[in-house]
Amino acid sequence: MKKILVCLLLVSLGMSLFAVPSAKSLFFADSYMLRAGGVEANYWNPALLTANGPTDIWLPTLNSGIQLTNNALDLDTYNFFVTRDSLDADDKERLLKDVDGSLAFGMDVNVSLFGITMGNTALSASAHVNGKGQLSEDFMRLALYGNTEDEYLFNMSSNNASAISYVDITYGIGDLKIPFIPEDWPQIKAGASASLLTGAYFMETREFKLSFENNSDVGANLDSELLLRTGKIGAGFKGMLGLFSEVTPWLDAGLTVDNIAGFIKWGVESKNHRFYATADSVFVTDLEEDLFDYDNYEEDTDSFSTRLGTELRLATMYKHRHFNLSADWVQGFTESTVSSKVGRLSLGASLMPMPVLPISLGISLPNSKNPLKVSYGIGLKVKTGEFNLAVQSFDSLIPGYNSKGISFGIATKIGF
């Protein structure tokens, strides 16, 4: 039983529930739409492509971020359980007390490949790996305590997983002034970006059902079925539209719609993988016999498309000479590997005690899918470029053993 528990913990701590378009957003807990200038604006708001000057260069791999998180288990809990030889009732309840319905887990990795702005246009490429999943609380309770009920029923609503990896090549154009705006209104700028996507791998749970019944009259009965769909090597597209306005000299506002017509079609290898396990009327007297029947097979399928859910982002930022404050609201319209219909609010701050030493802070408020996220970053900024490091903690104000996940980010740019 301890081995099962350790596996669950490793999965939950080793896999984010939302994609991170670029590493620098980790510095502000994703409150970044109005902060992303130059190359990064390709992924956040292409209306801001000229914000860093006429030329902005993104160095390979030196703009990278990784997020690992779950919604219930902290690092201290993990360390506690791996050092236990056995688990008593209090230990098991400690594991389950923060699991509200299901254990949600995820990961996100983003690595820059190249990027450059040329006037009001930009060309960039990044590699992405995203994954997320859920394990129901009842399933965990069954694994911990064994069967304490006569019947258990599970489905994929709280027991599922999905993962995707792909590379984008993105072209953007921005700093386009919206015509016919009244002269006494703040000017509004627009931008757009288009991404060609090359998919490497995709996996998702298509079906899952498990029923388990056990009593003295009928014995133990198990009926389970799992269907995974996978795809290798695909191609796709996504678009983004953005608006930006300097409402006053100290207040900016912006809007973006991302993943417009976003999809990846998997055509080189598309498969369904089915797994079955059954047991019929098993009694204690049958323990020397084979208790379960296992079966699995895979079949080729027609090519299929993975939809990237459309997201709306609204943002505002207050600017001061020595600091600025921002707020971003993100709302997805569909559930997908990279989006959620549960909206989220992020707040960010940049402090500049010295012009060359920016300090960043961020907080993303918790919701039913995500724990609290708190970010801390520091950088070195000079006329020709900048170098930044950040760490992010989940469900804990300070990164440490009480964190339910952790993120690291590095961001480097050259500009002239």
Protein backbone atom coordinates (compact mmCIF):
# COMPACT_ATOMS: atom_id res chain seq x y z
CA MET A 1 0.00 0.00 0.00
CA LYS A 2 2.86 2.37 0.75
CA LYS A 3 4.22 1.86 -2.76
CA ILE A 4 0.86 2.85 -4.24
CA LEU A 5 0.83 5.96 -2.09
CA VAL A 6 4.36 6.98 -3.07
CA CYS A 7 3.48 6.57 -6.73
CA LEU A 8 0.45 8.83 -6.34
CA LEU A 9 2.56 11.47 -4.62
CA LEU A 10 5.30 11.31 -7.24
CA VAL A 11 2.76 11.73 -10.02
CA SER A 12 1.08 14.66 -8.31
CA LEU A 13 4.33 16.45 -7.52
CA GLY A 14 5.97 15.60 -10.81
CA MET A 15 3.44 16.90 -13.15
CA SER A 16 0.40 23.00 -14.31
CA LEU A 17 -2.95 23.27 -15.03
CA PHE A 18 -2.48 26.13 -17.47
CA ALA A 19 0.03 26.78 -20.22
CA VAL A 20 2.68 29.46 -19.73
CA PRO A 21 3.27 31.32 -23.02
CA SER A 22 6.71 32.63 -21.97
CA ALA A 23 9.06 32.26 -19.01
CA LYS A 24 8.96 35.88 -17.83
CA SER A 25 5.29 35.54 -16.86
CA LEU A 26 6.38 33.33 -13.94
CA PHE A 27 7.93 36.44 -12.37
CA PHE A 28 4.47 38.00 -11.95
CA ALA A 29 2.27 34.89 -11.39
CA ASP A 30 0.97 35.34 -14.98
CA SER A 31 -0.05 39.02 -14.57
CA TYR A 32 2.02 39.79 -17.63
CA MET A 33 -0.05 40.84 -20.63
CA LEU A 34 0.81 44.56 -20.41
CA ARG A 35 4.42 43.88 -19.39
CA ALA A 36 5.37 41.74 -22.40
CA GLY A 37 7.15 43.91 -24.94
CA GLY A 38 9.22 42.99 -27.95
CA VAL A 39 9.45 39.29 -28.82
CA GLU A 40 7.36 38.20 -25.85
CA ALA A 41 4.45 40.30 -27.11
CA ASN A 42 4.03 37.66 -29.83
CA TYR A 43 2.57 35.43 -27.10
CA TRP A 44 0.89 37.99 -24.84
CA ASN A 45 -0.28 41.03 -26.82
CA PRO A 46 1.18 41.71 -30.29
CA ALA A 47 0.00 45.33 -30.08
CA LEU A 48 3.07 45.85 -27.83
CA LEU A 49 5.75 44.53 -30.21
CA THR A 50 7.61 47.87 -30.30
CA ALA A 51 7.53 48.44 -26.53
CA ASN A 52 11.19 47.43 -26.13
CA GLY A 53 12.49 49.51 -29.02
CA PRO A 54 13.07 48.77 -32.71
CA THR A 55 15.11 45.58 -32.14
CA ASP A 56 14.73 42.95 -29.45
CA ILE A 57 16.51 39.57 -29.46
CA TRP A 58 15.45 36.44 -27.62
CA LEU A 59 18.33 34.07 -26.84
CA PRO A 60 17.88 30.27 -27.31
CA THR A 61 16.99 28.34 -24.11
CA LEU A 62 17.77 31.38 -21.92
CA ASN A 63 14.08 32.23 -21.68
CA SER A 64 12.69 29.11 -20.10
CA GLY A 65 10.30 28.18 -17.34
CA ILE A 66 8.95 25.07 -15.64
CA GLN A 67 5.92 24.65 -13.37
CA LEU A 68 5.15 21.59 -11.24
CA THR A 69 2.05 21.67 -9.07
CA ASN A 70 -0.93 19.96 -7.52
CA ASN A 71 -3.92 21.17 -5.52
CA ALA A 72 -3.54 19.24 -2.26
CA LEU A 73 -0.20 17.68 -1.31
CA ASP A 74 2.80 19.71 -0.13
CA LEU A 75 6.46 18.71 -0.11
CA ASP A 76 6.44 18.18 3.65
CA THR A 77 3.61 15.66 3.30
CA TYR A 78 5.56 13.82 0.60
CA ASN A 79 8.69 13.65 2.75
CA PHE A 80 6.64 12.41 5.70
CA PHE A 81 5.09 9.52 3.81
CA VAL A 82 8.23 8.25 2.08
CA THR A 83 9.92 7.82 5.46
CA ARG A 84 7.05 5.76 6.98
CA ASP A 85 7.21 1.97 7.03
CA SER A 86 3.45 1.73 7.57
CA LEU A 87 0.48 4.07 7.69
CA ASP A 88 -1.99 4.33 10.55
CA ALA A 89 -5.43 5.94 10.37
CA ASP A 90 -4.08 9.41 11.29
CA ASP A 91 -1.46 9.19 8.54
CA LYS A 92 -4.08 8.33 5.93
CA GLU A 93 -6.34 11.16 7.02
CA ARG A 94 -3.41 13.58 6.82
CA LEU A 95 -3.06 12.62 3.18
CA LEU A 96 -6.75 13.00 2.40
CA LYS A 97 -7.62 16.10 4.44
CA ASP A 98 -6.70 18.63 1.75
CA VAL A 99 -8.06 16.62 -1.19
CA ASP A 100 -11.37 18.29 -2.00
CA GLY A 101 -13.11 15.88 -4.35
CA SER A 102 -10.07 15.10 -6.46
CA LEU A 103 -6.32 15.44 -6.57
CA ALA A 104 -5.49 17.68 -9.54
CA PHE A 105 -1.94 17.78 -10.83
CA GLY A 106 -0.04 19.24 -13.73
CA MET A 107 3.13 20.49 -15.34
CA ASP A 108 4.15 23.10 -17.86
CA VAL A 109 7.52 23.56 -19.57
CA ASN A 110 8.33 26.40 -21.94
CA VAL A 111 11.69 26.86 -23.69
CA SER A 112 12.60 29.66 -26.10
CA LEU A 113 14.30 28.65 -29.34
CA PHE A 114 14.83 32.04 -30.99
CA GLY A 115 13.17 35.42 -31.38
CA ILE A 116 13.76 38.81 -32.92
CA THR A 117 11.74 41.98 -33.53
CA MET A 118 12.22 44.06 -36.65
CA GLY A 119 10.37 47.36 -36.42
CA ASN A 120 6.76 46.53 -35.68
CA THR A 121 7.08 42.82 -36.63
CA ALA A 122 8.52 39.84 -34.80
CA LEU A 123 9.49 36.25 -35.54
CA SER A 124 9.94 33.72 -32.74
CA ALA A 125 9.83 30.03 -31.87
CA SER A 126 9.29 28.14 -28.61
CA ALA A 127 8.93 24.56 -27.42
CA HIS A 128 6.07 23.62 -25.06
CA VAL A 129 5.16 20.62 -22.93
CA ASN A 130 1.84 20.70 -21.02
CA GLY A 131 0.11 18.06 -18.94
CA LYS A 132 -2.68 17.81 -16.40
CA GLY A 133 -4.83 15.20 -14.71
CA GLN A 134 -7.14 14.29 -11.84
CA LEU A 135 -7.49 11.40 -9.41
CA SER A 136 -10.73 11.22 -7.42
CA GLU A 137 -10.69 11.33 -3.63
CA ASP A 138 -12.77 8.13 -3.47
CA PHE A 139 -10.18 6.32 -5.58
CA MET A 140 -7.42 7.42 -3.19
CA ARG A 141 -9.53 6.39 -0.20
CA LEU A 142 -10.04 2.93 -1.71
CA ALA A 143 -6.28 2.58 -2.24
CA LEU A 144 -5.57 3.65 1.35
CA TYR A 145 -8.27 1.84 3.30
CA GLY A 146 -9.27 -1.00 1.01
CA ASN A 147 -12.91 -1.70 0.34
CA THR A 148 -15.05 -0.33 3.16
CA GLU A 149 -18.19 0.01 1.03
CA ASP A 150 -20.21 -2.62 -0.78
CA GLU A 151 -19.88 -0.87 -4.14
CA TYR A 152 -17.59 1.67 -5.81
CA LEU A 153 -18.17 3.47 -9.13
CA PHE A 154 -15.60 5.64 -10.89
CA ASN A 155 -15.67 7.54 -14.19
CA MET A 156 -13.44 9.92 -16.13
CA SER A 157 -15.02 13.13 -14.76
CA SER A 158 -12.58 12.98 -11.82
CA ASN A 159 -10.09 10.41 -13.13
CA ASN A 160 -8.33 11.53 -16.29
CA ALA A 161 -5.07 12.78 -17.75
CA SER A 162 -3.89 14.61 -20.86
CA ALA A 163 -0.54 15.77 -22.22
CA ILE A 164 0.72 17.60 -25.29
CA SER A 165 4.11 18.70 -26.64
CA TYR A 166 4.65 20.98 -29.61
CA VAL A 167 6.83 23.69 -31.16
CA ASP A 168 5.51 26.98 -32.48
CA ILE A 169 6.89 29.34 -35.11
CA THR A 170 5.13 32.66 -34.56
CA TYR A 171 5.00 35.80 -36.68
CA GLY A 172 3.46 38.96 -35.26
CA ILE A 173 2.74 42.50 -36.33
CA GLY A 174 1.80 45.28 -33.94
CA ASP A 175 1.72 48.96 -33.08
CA LEU A 176 -1.15 49.44 -35.54
CA LYS A 177 -3.19 52.52 -34.73
CA ILE A 178 -6.96 52.08 -34.80
CA PRO A 179 -8.39 54.75 -37.16
CA PHE A 180 -11.38 57.02 -36.60
CA ILE A 181 -10.87 57.26 -32.84
CA PRO A 182 -12.14 60.66 -31.59
CA GLU A 183 -9.28 63.04 -30.86
CA ASP A 184 -10.22 63.47 -27.21
CA TRP A 185 -10.14 59.67 -26.66
CA PRO A 186 -6.99 57.73 -25.73
CA GLN A 187 -5.33 56.17 -28.76
CA ILE A 188 -5.89 52.43 -29.25
CA LYS A 189 -3.27 50.20 -30.86
CA ALA A 190 -3.85 46.74 -32.31
CA GLY A 191 -1.72 43.74 -33.18
CA ALA A 192 -2.01 40.16 -34.37
CA SER A 193 0.15 37.06 -34.37
CA ALA A 194 -0.13 33.72 -36.13
CA SER A 195 1.61 30.51 -35.07
CA LEU A 196 2.42 27.44 -37.12
CA LEU A 197 2.45 24.49 -34.72
CA THR A 198 4.39 21.26 -35.06
CA GLY A 199 3.11 18.63 -32.66
CA ALA A 200 5.40 15.97 -31.22
CA TYR A 201 3.07 13.92 -28.98
CA PHE A 202 -0.45 13.95 -27.60
CA MET A 203 -2.30 11.75 -25.12
CA GLU A 204 -5.72 12.02 -23.51
CA THR A 205 -8.19 9.87 -21.60
CA ARG A 206 -11.18 9.20 -23.83
CA GLU A 207 -13.04 6.73 -21.63
CA PHE A 208 -12.68 5.44 -18.10
CA LYS A 209 -15.09 3.46 -15.99
CA LEU A 210 -14.53 1.17 -13.06
CA SER A 211 -17.05 -0.63 -10.89
CA PHE A 212 -16.08 -2.69 -7.86
CA GLU A 213 -18.53 -4.65 -5.72
CA ASN A 214 -17.69 -6.79 -2.72
CA ASN A 215 -19.95 -8.52 -0.20
CA SER A 216 -20.36 -11.95 1.36
CA ASP A 217 -23.17 -12.98 -0.99
CA VAL A 218 -21.67 -12.26 -4.41
CA GLY A 219 -17.95 -12.10 -3.58
CA ALA A 220 -15.75 -9.53 -5.30
CA ASN A 221 -16.68 -8.28 -8.76
CA LEU A 222 -14.57 -5.89 -10.83
CA ASP A 223 -15.28 -4.40 -14.23
CA SER A 224 -12.97 -1.70 -15.59
CA GLU A 225 -12.19 -0.18 -18.96
CA LEU A 226 -9.70 2.52 -19.96
CA LEU A 227 -9.32 4.08 -23.40
CA LEU A 228 -6.35 6.32 -24.16
CA ARG A 229 -5.96 8.13 -27.47
CA THR A 230 -2.47 9.08 -28.62
CA GLY A 231 -1.03 10.91 -31.58
CA LYS A 232 2.51 11.48 -32.84
CA ILE A 233 3.74 14.17 -35.23
CA GLY A 234 1.13 16.67 -36.24
CA ALA A 235 0.68 20.17 -37.64
CA GLY A 236 -1.62 23.01 -36.71
CA PHE A 237 -2.24 26.70 -36.23
CA LYS A 238 -3.35 29.27 -33.70
CA GLY A 239 -3.90 33.02 -33.81
CA MET A 240 -3.99 35.93 -31.39
CA LEU A 241 -5.52 39.40 -31.58
CA GLY A 242 -4.59 42.16 -29.15
CA LEU A 243 -5.55 45.72 -28.25
CA PHE A 244 -3.64 48.22 -26.11
CA SER A 245 -4.32 51.75 -24.90
CA GLU A 246 -2.46 54.17 -22.68
CA VAL A 247 -5.61 55.50 -21.03
CA THR A 248 -3.65 58.12 -19.06
CA PRO A 249 0.12 58.65 -18.59
CA TRP A 250 -0.12 56.44 -15.49
CA LEU A 251 -2.71 53.81 -16.56
CA ASP A 252 -2.60 51.21 -19.35
CA ALA A 253 -5.32 48.78 -20.45
CA GLY A 254 -5.36 45.85 -22.83
CA LEU A 255 -7.37 42.96 -24.26
CA THR A 256 -6.37 39.81 -26.09
CA VAL A 257 -8.09 36.78 -27.58
CA ASP A 258 -5.71 33.82 -27.79
CA ASN A 259 -5.82 30.38 -29.42
CA ILE A 260 -8.13 31.62 -32.18
CA ALA A 261 -8.89 28.63 -34.43
CA GLY A 262 -6.22 26.78 -32.45
CA PHE A 263 -5.67 23.12 -33.33
CA ILE A 264 -3.08 20.45 -34.02
CA LYS A 265 -3.97 17.60 -36.39
CA TRP A 266 -2.19 14.33 -35.66
CA GLY A 267 -1.58 12.37 -38.83
CA VAL A 268 1.64 10.35 -38.77
CA GLU A 269 0.53 7.95 -36.00
CA SER A 270 -2.89 7.93 -34.34
CA LYS A 271 -3.84 5.09 -32.00
CA ASN A 272 -6.41 3.99 -29.46
CA HIS A 273 -5.14 1.98 -26.49
CA ARG A 274 -7.73 -0.07 -24.58
CA PHE A 275 -7.17 -1.73 -21.22
CA TYR A 276 -9.57 -4.11 -19.47
CA ALA A 277 -9.59 -5.77 -16.05
CA THR A 278 -12.42 -7.99 -14.79
CA ALA A 279 -13.14 -10.30 -11.88
CA ASP A 280 -16.32 -12.27 -11.31
CA SER A 281 -17.55 -13.65 -7.96
CA VAL A 282 -14.14 -13.97 -6.28
CA PHE A 283 -14.20 -15.39 -2.73
CA VAL A 284 -11.43 -15.87 -0.18
CA THR A 285 -11.35 -19.56 -1.06
CA ASP A 286 -10.26 -18.63 -4.60
CA LEU A 287 -7.07 -16.81 -3.59
CA GLU A 288 -4.78 -19.50 -4.99
CA GLU A 289 -6.34 -19.06 -8.42
CA ASP A 290 -5.97 -16.22 -10.93
CA LEU A 291 -8.30 -13.58 -9.57
CA PHE A 292 -8.36 -11.09 -12.44
CA ASP A 293 -8.58 -11.26 -16.21
CA TYR A 294 -6.45 -8.62 -17.95
CA ASP A 295 -6.56 -7.62 -21.59
CA ASN A 296 -5.23 -4.72 -23.62
CA TYR A 297 -4.80 -3.92 -27.27
CA GLU A 298 -4.12 -0.99 -29.55
CA GLU A 299 -5.63 -0.05 -32.88
CA ASP A 300 -4.80 2.48 -35.56
CA THR A 301 -7.35 5.26 -35.93
CA ASP A 302 -8.05 8.01 -38.41
CA SER A 303 -6.13 11.23 -37.95
CA PHE A 304 -7.73 13.56 -35.41
CA SER A 305 -7.37 17.14 -34.22
CA THR A 306 -6.63 18.50 -30.77
CA ARG A 307 -8.40 21.78 -30.12
CA LEU A 308 -6.59 24.50 -28.18
CA GLY A 309 -9.26 26.30 -26.16
CA THR A 310 -9.83 30.00 -26.91
CA GLU A 311 -9.03 32.36 -24.03
CA LEU A 312 -9.95 35.98 -23.32
CA ARG A 313 -7.54 38.09 -21.25
CA LEU A 314 -8.27 41.54 -19.81
CA ALA A 315 -5.52 43.54 -18.11
CA THR A 316 -4.74 46.91 -16.59
CA MET A 317 -1.53 48.40 -15.18
CA TYR A 318 -0.83 51.40 -12.96
CA LYS A 319 2.58 53.00 -13.61
CA HIS A 320 4.79 55.02 -11.29
CA ARG A 321 8.39 56.09 -11.60
CA HIS A 322 9.61 53.59 -8.99
CA PHE A 323 6.98 50.83 -9.24
CA ASN A 324 4.03 49.54 -11.21
CA LEU A 325 1.01 47.36 -10.41
CA SER A 326 -0.94 45.12 -12.78
CA ALA A 327 -4.02 42.90 -12.80
CA ASP A 328 -4.91 40.21 -15.39
CA TRP A 329 -8.16 38.26 -15.71
CA VAL A 330 -8.16 35.17 -17.94
CA GLN A 331 -11.30 33.35 -19.02
CA GLY A 332 -11.28 30.22 -21.15
CA PHE A 333 -14.30 29.21 -23.20
CA THR A 334 -13.64 25.46 -23.37
CA GLU A 335 -11.79 22.84 -21.39
CA SER A 336 -8.59 21.65 -23.05
CA THR A 337 -5.07 20.61 -22.13
CA VAL A 338 -4.02 24.28 -22.21
CA SER A 339 -7.17 26.09 -21.07
CA SER A 340 -10.00 26.00 -18.54
CA LYS A 341 -13.49 27.46 -18.28
CA VAL A 342 -12.71 28.46 -14.69
CA GLY A 343 -11.51 32.09 -14.77
CA ARG A 344 -8.50 33.25 -12.77
CA LEU A 345 -7.16 36.58 -11.49
CA SER A 346 -3.47 37.44 -11.23
CA LEU A 347 -1.82 40.50 -9.67
CA GLY A 348 1.74 41.67 -10.28
CA ALA A 349 4.13 44.34 -9.08
CA SER A 350 7.51 45.55 -10.26
CA LEU A 351 9.68 47.53 -7.85
CA MET A 352 12.66 49.54 -9.01
CA PRO A 353 14.74 50.64 -6.02
CA MET A 354 17.52 51.09 -8.59
CA PRO A 355 17.00 51.25 -12.38
CA VAL A 356 19.41 48.35 -12.93
CA LEU A 357 17.89 46.07 -10.26
CA PRO A 358 14.18 45.37 -10.88
CA ILE A 359 12.34 43.28 -8.32
CA SER A 360 9.15 41.45 -9.29
CA LEU A 361 6.29 40.08 -7.20
CA GLY A 362 3.14 38.26 -8.26
CA ILE A 363 0.12 36.50 -6.85
CA SER A 364 -2.48 34.39 -8.64
CA LEU A 365 -5.63 33.91 -6.58
CA PRO A 366 -6.84 30.33 -6.03
CA ASN A 367 -9.91 28.82 -7.65
CA SER A 368 -11.48 25.38 -7.91
CA LYS A 369 -8.78 24.22 -10.34
CA ASN A 370 -5.65 26.03 -9.13
CA PRO A 371 -4.03 26.69 -5.76
CA LEU A 372 -2.64 30.07 -4.73
CA LYS A 373 0.51 31.04 -6.67
CA VAL A 374 3.09 33.51 -5.33
CA SER A 375 6.12 34.64 -7.35
CA TYR A 376 9.40 36.36 -6.53
CA GLY A 377 11.94 37.56 -9.09
CA ILE A 378 15.02 39.71 -9.40
CA GLY A 379 16.93 40.95 -12.41
CA LEU A 380 19.87 42.91 -13.76
CA LYS A 381 18.90 45.42 -16.43
CA VAL A 382 21.27 47.50 -18.51
CA LYS A 383 20.89 49.49 -21.71
CA THR A 384 21.72 46.57 -24.02
CA GLY A 385 19.83 43.80 -22.27
CA GLU A 386 18.67 42.11 -19.10
CA PHE A 387 18.99 38.89 -17.08
CA ASN A 388 16.30 37.71 -14.65
CA LEU A 389 15.61 34.81 -12.29
CA ALA A 390 12.36 33.90 -10.53
CA VAL A 391 10.83 31.28 -8.27
CA GLN A 392 7.14 30.58 -7.72
CA SER A 393 5.43 28.82 -4.82
CA PHE A 394 2.03 27.12 -4.83
CA ASP A 395 -0.41 27.43 -1.91
CA SER A 396 2.36 28.87 0.25
CA LEU A 397 3.61 32.45 0.56
CA ILE A 398 7.24 31.30 0.77
CA PRO A 399 8.77 28.51 -1.35
CA GLY A 400 9.54 25.57 0.91
CA TYR A 401 8.20 22.38 2.42
CA ASN A 402 4.66 23.77 2.64
CA SER A 403 4.52 24.42 -1.10
CA LYS A 404 2.22 22.25 -3.23
CA GLY A 405 4.46 22.70 -6.21
CA ILE A 406 7.19 24.99 -7.44
CA SER A 407 8.22 26.89 -10.58
CA PHE A 408 11.50 28.29 -11.83
CA GLY A 409 12.05 30.84 -14.56
CA ILE A 410 15.01 32.40 -16.36
CA ALA A 411 14.67 35.29 -18.79
CA THR A 412 17.40 36.96 -20.86
CA LYS A 413 17.14 39.54 -23.65
CA ILE A 414 19.40 41.66 -25.80
CA GLY A 415 18.03 44.93 -27.16
CA PHE A 416 19.38 47.83 -29.16
